[in-house]
Amino acid sequence: MQTQNHNTSFLIFFLIAFLVSCGMHLLIYYTYFRYSQRYAYYFVWGLFLCNLLFTLHHYFNLPYLLELLFSTCLGVSFLLFSGAIFYYIFLSPLLIFATKEQYHLLMPSIRYLSFILAICAIFYGLYAGLYKKPIIKNIEVPISRLQKEMKIIQISDLHINTLTRIQNLQKMIQKVNELKPDAIMLTGDIIDSNSHRIEEKIILLKNLKAKFGIYYILGNHEYYHNTEEILDLIRELGIIVLNNTSTTINIDSTPLINIIGITDLSGEKMGFLKPNIKQAILKGNPKIPSILLSHQPKVLKFIGNKKIELILSGHTHGGQIFPFNFLVALDQPYVKGLHLYKPNQYIYVSQGSSTWGPPMRLGSTSEITYITLKPQE
C-alpha cells in the first residue's frame, strides 16, 4: 500500500512539475533569450532537462556532482523566472503612463536590469547556501505551569542526502553539544534519501547529546523514501520517535513537561502513518505544560481548543529563496519565527538547519534554534 500510494503521488507530482517547468522556461526564453544566439536556446533547454531530472533524484543514487548540478539548475531557473516576473511587473506602469516611444526606449534597460539582478541573486544565493553555516538562533518563551527553566535545541529540515557533507554534519553536531541542551527536538525532514544510501551519515546523529533525550518526528520528505526502515534506524540510535504519542520529561520523579509528537500531515495523502493529534495529546499528562512537535505549521488548523503551550515546526525553510516565501505564505499560517497564536500559546517555525533542492539561501538563514523555556511569572 505504501509503495502504491507513493507511486501515485509521485506521478501526480511529476506531471505538475513538468507543466510548471514548461511554463517557467518558456517565459525565461521569451523574456531574456529569444533574440540571442542559438546557444541561449540550448542553455534554457538544458535548464529544463535538469529540472525534470531533479524530480527523479529520489529514485537514483546520483553522484555528488550530478546531484549538485541538477539542484543548482532548479534554483537558477526559479530566480531567472522570478526576474522575468519582476520585469513584467516593472514594465506594466509604462503601458499606462508612458508614451509608446518612452515604453520602447526604457524596455531594454528594464529587461537588462532585471536579468542582472537575477544573476546577482543566483551567485549570492549559492554563496549563502553552500558556505554560510547555520546560525544559533536564541529565543525565550514564557511557559505557563512550567516549574523549572529548560533549554532545548530544535533542529529541523536537515535533509540529509547525497549533498550532505559528513564534516559539515559533524561540525553541526559538535556545535549543538557545546550548548549542553536539556533536550533536542528533531522536527522532521531530517532524512531525505533512502537510508541504505546514506546510513554512514544518519548514524552520526547518535552523537547528539542531551540530558533528557532526543526526540524525533516525521516530516513529509521521510515519506518519499523507505519510511519504516528510517524509523527503525533512528530508534537504533537511541533517539525517541514520537509517532502520534507523547512522553513526559521528569526531574527527580516530578513531571515537568509533555513532549507530544505527531506524524506529518502528508501522511493523510500518502495513506499511511496518518497524523492523529487527539491520540497523541490524550497520552500526555494534563497537569503539566506541553510541547507539540509538528513538522508543518498549518497543524494549527487542527488544534482546536486543545491546550498546547508551545508548537515547534519547520517545513517552510523561511521561504529559503526570495520570493518563494510569498508562495509558502499561501499554504502555511506562518513562514518563520515565534508567534503567539492564542493567549499563552506559542508556535515557533524554524527556517531549517539546511536547504532543500537548490543549495541556495536568499532572504532566509539556516538555523539551529536554542530555546529557553521560562516559567511564566
Protein backbone atom coordinates (compact mmCIF):
# COMPACT_ATOMS: atom_id res chain seq x y z
CA MET A 1 0.00 0.00 0.00
CA GLN A 2 2.81 2.40 0.90
CA THR A 3 4.56 1.82 -2.45
CA GLN A 4 1.33 2.16 -4.44
CA ASN A 5 0.37 5.44 -2.77
CA HIS A 6 3.92 6.71 -3.13
CA ASN A 7 3.99 5.95 -6.87
CA THR A 8 0.59 7.59 -7.43
CA SER A 9 1.66 10.71 -5.54
CA PHE A 10 4.90 10.85 -7.49
CA LEU A 11 3.17 10.58 -10.89
CA ILE A 12 0.88 13.46 -9.97
CA PHE A 13 3.84 15.47 -8.69
CA PHE A 14 5.87 14.75 -11.84
CA LEU A 15 3.03 15.82 -14.14
CA ILE A 16 2.55 19.07 -12.24
CA ALA A 17 6.32 19.67 -12.18
CA PHE A 18 6.52 19.06 -15.95
CA LEU A 19 3.76 21.54 -16.75
CA VAL A 20 5.06 24.20 -14.36
CA SER A 21 8.62 23.76 -15.66
CA CYS A 22 7.41 24.13 -19.26
CA GLY A 23 5.72 27.42 -18.43
CA MET A 24 8.69 28.74 -16.44
CA HIS A 25 11.27 28.02 -19.12
CA LEU A 26 9.12 29.31 -21.95
CA LEU A 27 8.80 32.61 -20.07
CA ILE A 28 12.56 32.70 -19.34
CA TYR A 29 13.37 32.11 -23.00
CA TYR A 30 10.80 34.59 -24.30
CA THR A 31 11.89 37.31 -21.85
CA TYR A 32 15.66 37.07 -21.95
CA PHE A 33 16.91 34.89 -24.79
CA ARG A 34 14.59 34.98 -27.82
CA TYR A 35 16.83 37.50 -29.63
CA SER A 36 20.07 35.84 -28.51
CA GLN A 37 22.37 33.40 -30.26
CA ARG A 38 21.36 29.77 -30.67
CA TYR A 39 23.45 28.69 -27.66
CA ALA A 40 20.95 30.54 -25.44
CA TYR A 41 18.22 28.21 -26.71
CA TYR A 42 20.32 25.20 -25.68
CA PHE A 43 21.03 26.80 -22.30
CA VAL A 44 17.31 27.15 -21.49
CA TRP A 45 16.60 23.67 -22.84
CA GLY A 46 19.40 22.30 -20.64
CA LEU A 47 17.93 24.02 -17.57
CA PHE A 48 14.55 22.49 -18.36
CA LEU A 49 16.00 18.96 -18.63
CA CYS A 50 17.99 19.37 -15.40
CA ASN A 51 14.83 20.49 -13.60
CA LEU A 52 12.96 17.39 -14.75
CA LEU A 53 15.86 15.12 -13.86
CA PHE A 54 15.92 16.64 -10.37
CA THR A 55 12.37 15.38 -9.80
CA LEU A 56 13.72 11.84 -10.33
CA HIS A 57 16.68 12.13 -7.97
CA HIS A 58 14.85 10.25 -5.19
CA TYR A 59 14.92 7.14 -7.38
CA PHE A 60 18.61 7.16 -8.24
CA ASN A 61 21.77 7.26 -6.21
CA LEU A 62 23.30 10.11 -8.22
CA PRO A 63 26.95 11.11 -7.83
CA TYR A 64 27.57 14.25 -5.80
CA LEU A 65 28.39 16.45 -8.80
CA LEU A 66 25.27 15.46 -10.76
CA GLU A 67 23.06 15.99 -7.70
CA LEU A 68 24.68 19.40 -7.21
CA LEU A 69 24.20 20.30 -10.90
CA PHE A 70 20.52 19.34 -11.04
CA SER A 71 19.65 21.02 -7.74
CA THR A 72 21.56 24.19 -8.66
CA CYS A 73 19.79 24.39 -12.03
CA LEU A 74 16.48 24.29 -10.18
CA GLY A 75 17.49 27.41 -8.26
CA VAL A 76 18.85 29.13 -11.39
CA SER A 77 15.55 28.51 -13.20
CA PHE A 78 13.49 29.81 -10.29
CA LEU A 79 15.49 33.03 -9.95
CA LEU A 80 15.52 33.70 -13.70
CA PHE A 81 11.78 33.09 -13.74
CA SER A 82 11.36 35.46 -10.77
CA GLY A 83 13.48 38.05 -12.59
CA ALA A 84 11.19 37.75 -15.62
CA ILE A 85 8.09 38.20 -13.44
CA PHE A 86 9.56 41.32 -11.84
CA TYR A 87 10.45 42.62 -15.30
CA TYR A 88 6.81 42.49 -16.39
CA ILE A 89 5.67 43.98 -13.07
CA PHE A 90 8.05 46.94 -13.51
CA LEU A 91 7.10 47.25 -17.17
CA SER A 92 3.35 47.38 -16.60
CA PRO A 93 3.18 51.02 -15.35
CA LEU A 94 4.84 52.13 -18.61
CA LEU A 95 1.95 50.64 -20.56
CA ILE A 96 -0.39 53.00 -18.70
CA PHE A 97 1.60 56.17 -18.10
CA ALA A 98 4.38 56.28 -20.73
CA THR A 99 4.19 57.12 -24.39
CA LYS A 100 4.90 54.45 -26.97
CA GLU A 101 8.33 55.94 -27.62
CA GLN A 102 9.20 56.04 -23.90
CA TYR A 103 8.00 52.44 -23.50
CA HIS A 104 10.25 51.10 -26.27
CA LEU A 105 13.14 53.25 -25.03
CA LEU A 106 13.00 52.01 -21.42
CA MET A 107 12.01 48.40 -22.04
CA PRO A 108 15.55 47.09 -22.92
CA SER A 109 17.07 48.80 -19.85
CA ILE A 110 14.45 47.31 -17.51
CA ARG A 111 14.95 43.86 -19.05
CA TYR A 112 18.73 44.16 -18.68
CA LEU A 113 18.42 45.36 -15.07
CA SER A 114 16.08 42.52 -14.10
CA PHE A 115 18.45 39.99 -15.69
CA ILE A 116 21.48 41.41 -13.85
CA LEU A 117 19.58 41.33 -10.55
CA ALA A 118 18.60 37.69 -11.15
CA ILE A 119 22.23 36.74 -11.89
CA CYS A 120 23.42 38.53 -8.74
CA ALA A 121 20.74 36.74 -6.73
CA ILE A 122 21.90 33.38 -8.13
CA PHE A 123 25.52 33.91 -7.11
CA TYR A 124 24.69 35.32 -3.69
CA GLY A 125 22.16 32.55 -3.09
CA LEU A 126 24.77 29.89 -3.87
CA TYR A 127 27.28 31.57 -1.57
CA ALA A 128 24.76 31.75 1.29
CA GLY A 129 23.52 28.20 0.74
CA LEU A 130 26.85 26.45 0.27
CA TYR A 131 29.21 28.39 2.52
CA LYS A 132 27.22 30.07 5.29
CA LYS A 133 26.89 27.76 8.30
CA PRO A 134 23.70 27.59 10.39
CA ILE A 135 23.45 30.37 12.94
CA ILE A 136 22.47 29.80 16.57
CA LYS A 137 19.06 31.46 16.92
CA ASN A 138 18.34 32.28 20.58
CA ILE A 139 14.75 32.74 21.71
CA GLU A 140 12.96 32.79 25.06
CA VAL A 141 9.42 31.53 25.53
CA PRO A 142 7.37 32.00 28.72
CA ILE A 143 5.55 28.76 29.51
CA SER A 144 2.57 28.71 31.85
CA ARG A 145 2.58 25.99 34.53
CA LEU A 146 6.28 25.28 33.95
CA GLN A 147 8.06 24.77 37.27
CA LYS A 148 11.67 24.97 36.16
CA GLU A 149 13.60 26.62 33.32
CA MET A 150 14.55 24.34 30.44
CA LYS A 151 16.89 24.76 27.50
CA ILE A 152 16.09 22.88 24.32
CA ILE A 153 17.53 22.74 20.81
CA GLN A 154 15.37 22.48 17.72
CA ILE A 155 16.89 21.03 14.55
CA SER A 156 14.63 20.91 11.53
CA ASP A 157 14.85 20.20 7.79
CA LEU A 158 18.41 18.89 7.74
CA HIS A 159 17.60 16.95 4.53
CA ILE A 160 20.48 14.51 4.97
CA ASN A 161 21.13 13.20 1.44
CA THR A 162 23.84 12.85 -1.20
CA LEU A 163 24.74 16.55 -0.97
CA THR A 164 25.23 16.44 2.80
CA ARG A 165 28.92 16.57 3.68
CA ILE A 166 29.93 14.42 6.63
CA GLN A 167 32.30 17.06 8.02
CA ASN A 168 29.55 19.71 8.00
CA LEU A 169 27.18 17.37 9.82
CA GLN A 170 29.86 16.57 12.39
CA LYS A 171 30.54 20.28 12.98
CA MET A 172 26.85 20.99 13.45
CA ILE A 173 26.51 18.14 15.98
CA GLN A 174 29.55 19.42 17.85
CA LYS A 175 28.08 22.93 17.94
CA VAL A 176 24.79 21.60 19.32
CA ASN A 177 26.51 19.52 22.01
CA GLU A 178 28.57 22.51 23.13
CA LEU A 179 25.30 24.26 24.04
CA LYS A 180 24.53 21.43 26.51
CA PRO A 181 20.77 21.37 25.96
CA ASP A 182 18.32 19.64 28.27
CA ALA A 183 16.55 18.14 25.24
CA ILE A 184 16.86 18.13 21.45
CA MET A 185 13.86 18.20 19.10
CA LEU A 186 14.26 16.92 15.53
CA THR A 187 11.16 18.31 13.84
CA GLY A 188 11.02 16.45 10.53
CA ASP A 189 12.69 16.27 7.10
CA ILE A 190 15.86 15.17 8.86
CA ILE A 191 16.37 12.34 6.34
CA ASP A 192 15.84 12.94 2.61
CA SER A 193 17.16 9.82 0.92
CA ASN A 194 16.89 6.05 1.07
CA SER A 195 18.50 5.20 4.40
CA HIS A 196 20.71 2.49 2.84
CA ARG A 197 22.45 5.08 0.65
CA ILE A 198 23.37 7.48 3.44
CA GLU A 199 23.48 5.27 6.54
CA GLU A 200 27.00 6.43 7.44
CA LYS A 201 25.65 9.98 7.67
CA ILE A 202 22.46 9.14 9.56
CA ILE A 203 24.32 7.21 12.28
CA LEU A 204 26.23 10.40 13.13
CA LEU A 205 23.03 11.59 14.81
CA LYS A 206 23.78 9.15 17.65
CA ASN A 207 26.49 11.62 18.73
CA LEU A 208 23.89 14.22 19.70
CA LYS A 209 23.80 14.62 23.48
CA ALA A 210 21.01 15.95 25.68
CA LYS A 211 20.25 15.48 29.37
CA PHE A 212 16.63 14.37 28.88
CA GLY A 213 16.83 12.82 25.45
CA ILE A 214 16.47 13.46 21.74
CA TYR A 215 13.01 13.43 20.14
CA TYR A 216 12.15 12.84 16.51
CA ILE A 217 9.08 13.26 14.31
CA LEU A 218 8.48 12.59 10.63
CA GLY A 219 8.48 15.32 8.02
CA ASN A 220 6.94 14.99 4.59
CA HIS A 221 10.24 14.04 2.91
CA GLU A 222 10.73 10.92 5.02
CA TYR A 223 7.52 9.62 3.42
CA TYR A 224 9.20 9.68 -0.02
CA HIS A 225 11.71 7.01 0.97
CA ASN A 226 11.84 3.77 2.98
CA THR A 227 9.95 5.35 5.90
CA GLU A 228 9.70 2.35 8.23
CA GLU A 229 13.38 1.49 7.83
CA ILE A 230 14.31 5.10 8.51
CA LEU A 231 12.28 4.99 11.72
CA ASP A 232 13.90 1.68 12.76
CA LEU A 233 17.36 3.13 12.21
CA ILE A 234 16.52 6.27 14.18
CA ARG A 235 15.31 4.15 17.10
CA GLU A 236 18.51 2.07 16.99
CA LEU A 237 20.46 5.31 17.53
CA GLY A 238 18.70 5.81 20.87
CA ILE A 239 16.52 8.65 19.58
CA ILE A 240 12.89 8.71 20.80
CA VAL A 241 10.44 8.54 17.89
CA LEU A 242 7.09 10.19 18.58
CA ASN A 243 4.50 8.88 16.12
CA ASN A 244 1.18 10.19 17.41
CA THR A 245 2.22 9.72 21.00
CA SER A 246 3.83 11.60 23.85
CA THR A 247 6.32 11.22 26.63
CA THR A 248 6.97 13.15 29.82
CA ILE A 249 10.22 14.68 31.00
CA ASN A 250 10.61 14.17 34.74
CA ILE A 251 13.05 15.79 37.15
CA ASP A 252 13.59 13.94 40.43
CA SER A 253 10.46 11.86 39.70
CA THR A 254 8.40 15.05 39.29
CA PRO A 255 6.68 15.53 35.90
CA LEU A 256 7.94 18.73 34.25
CA ILE A 257 6.68 18.87 30.68
CA ASN A 258 4.98 16.72 28.00
CA ILE A 259 6.68 16.21 24.65
CA ILE A 260 3.97 15.36 22.11
CA GLY A 261 4.79 14.30 18.56
CA ILE A 262 2.64 13.62 15.52
CA THR A 263 3.44 12.22 12.11
CA ASP A 264 3.40 14.65 9.20
CA LEU A 265 0.16 15.90 7.69
CA SER A 266 1.22 14.43 4.33
CA GLY A 267 0.51 11.02 5.87
CA GLU A 268 -3.15 11.65 5.01
CA LYS A 269 -2.31 11.90 1.31
CA MET A 270 0.17 9.04 1.39
CA GLY A 271 -2.28 6.73 3.14
CA PHE A 272 -0.01 5.50 5.94
CA LEU A 273 1.31 6.79 9.26
CA LYS A 274 -1.52 9.32 9.32
CA PRO A 275 -1.31 12.07 11.96
CA ASN A 276 -3.61 11.70 14.97
CA ILE A 277 -3.41 14.75 17.20
CA LYS A 278 -6.19 13.62 19.55
CA GLN A 279 -4.48 10.29 20.22
CA ALA A 280 -1.13 11.98 20.79
CA ILE A 281 -2.44 14.58 23.21
CA LEU A 282 -4.55 12.12 25.21
CA LYS A 283 -1.40 10.27 26.20
CA GLY A 284 0.04 13.39 27.84
CA ASN A 285 -0.20 14.50 31.47
CA PRO A 286 -2.89 17.24 31.60
CA LYS A 287 -1.47 18.78 34.79
CA ILE A 288 1.77 19.99 33.20
CA PRO A 289 2.57 22.09 30.09
CA SER A 290 3.05 20.53 26.67
CA ILE A 291 5.28 20.99 23.65
CA LEU A 292 3.87 19.70 20.36
CA LEU A 293 6.28 18.66 17.62
CA SER A 294 4.58 19.01 14.22
CA HIS A 295 6.55 19.38 11.02
CA GLN A 296 4.09 21.74 9.33
CA PRO A 297 2.84 24.98 10.95
CA LYS A 298 -0.63 24.52 9.47
CA VAL A 299 -1.24 21.95 12.19
CA LEU A 300 -2.85 24.98 13.86
CA LYS A 301 -5.96 24.27 11.77
CA PHE A 302 -6.42 21.01 13.63
CA ILE A 303 -5.54 22.05 17.20
CA GLY A 304 -8.95 23.42 18.09
CA ASN A 305 -9.23 24.32 21.78
CA LYS A 306 -6.53 21.89 22.90
CA LYS A 307 -4.09 23.44 25.35
CA ILE A 308 -0.59 23.37 23.86
CA GLU A 309 1.87 25.85 25.35
CA LEU A 310 4.41 25.62 22.51
CA ILE A 311 4.37 24.12 19.00
CA LEU A 312 7.68 23.54 17.23
CA SER A 313 7.51 23.32 13.44
CA GLY A 314 9.68 23.65 10.35
CA HIS A 315 8.93 22.73 6.74
CA THR A 316 8.91 26.28 5.33
CA HIS A 317 12.69 26.93 5.33
CA GLY A 318 11.66 30.55 5.92
CA GLY A 319 10.86 30.64 2.21
CA GLN A 320 14.52 29.71 1.53
CA ILE A 321 14.77 31.66 -1.73
CA PHE A 322 13.03 35.02 -2.11
CA PRO A 323 10.34 35.49 -3.44
CA PHE A 324 9.27 31.88 -2.73
CA ASN A 325 8.30 32.99 0.78
CA PHE A 326 5.15 34.58 -0.69
CA LEU A 327 4.07 31.20 -2.09
CA VAL A 328 4.80 29.49 1.23
CA ALA A 329 2.56 32.02 2.98
CA LEU A 330 -0.36 30.86 0.82
CA ASP A 331 -0.07 27.36 2.28
CA GLN A 332 1.16 27.92 5.84
CA PRO A 333 -0.09 30.33 8.54
CA TYR A 334 3.46 31.40 9.43
CA VAL A 335 6.68 31.33 7.41
CA LYS A 336 9.24 31.72 10.19
CA GLY A 337 9.80 32.87 13.74
CA LEU A 338 7.94 32.93 17.05
CA HIS A 339 4.23 33.75 17.11
CA LEU A 340 1.58 33.99 19.82
CA TYR A 341 -1.41 32.25 18.24
CA LYS A 342 -3.58 32.18 21.38
CA PRO A 343 -3.14 33.63 24.88
CA ASN A 344 -0.16 31.84 26.50
CA GLN A 345 0.20 29.56 23.45
CA TYR A 346 3.10 29.93 21.03
CA ILE A 347 4.31 28.45 17.78
CA TYR A 348 7.89 28.61 16.57
CA VAL A 349 8.65 27.96 12.88
CA SER A 350 12.27 27.13 12.15
CA GLN A 351 13.91 28.29 8.91
CA GLY A 352 15.58 24.88 8.75
CA SER A 353 19.09 23.78 9.56
CA SER A 354 19.98 23.16 5.90
CA THR A 355 18.47 23.62 2.43
CA TRP A 356 16.18 21.59 0.22
CA GLY A 357 16.60 21.38 -3.55
CA PRO A 358 18.76 24.30 -4.65
CA PRO A 359 21.73 24.74 -2.32
CA MET A 360 20.75 28.41 -2.07
CA ARG A 361 19.51 30.90 0.51
CA LEU A 362 18.10 34.32 -0.32
CA GLY A 363 16.20 36.24 2.33
CA SER A 364 16.46 33.38 4.84
CA THR A 365 19.10 31.81 7.06
CA SER A 366 19.86 28.24 8.10
CA GLU A 367 19.49 27.97 11.85
CA ILE A 368 19.92 25.84 14.94
CA THR A 369 17.29 27.11 17.36
CA TYR A 370 18.28 27.44 21.03
CA ILE A 371 15.07 27.85 23.01
CA THR A 372 14.95 28.81 26.67
CA LEU A 373 11.65 27.83 28.25
CA LYS A 374 10.98 30.09 31.21
CA PRO A 375 8.30 29.66 33.88
CA GLN A 376 5.68 32.33 33.23
CA GLU A 377 5.55 34.91 36.02
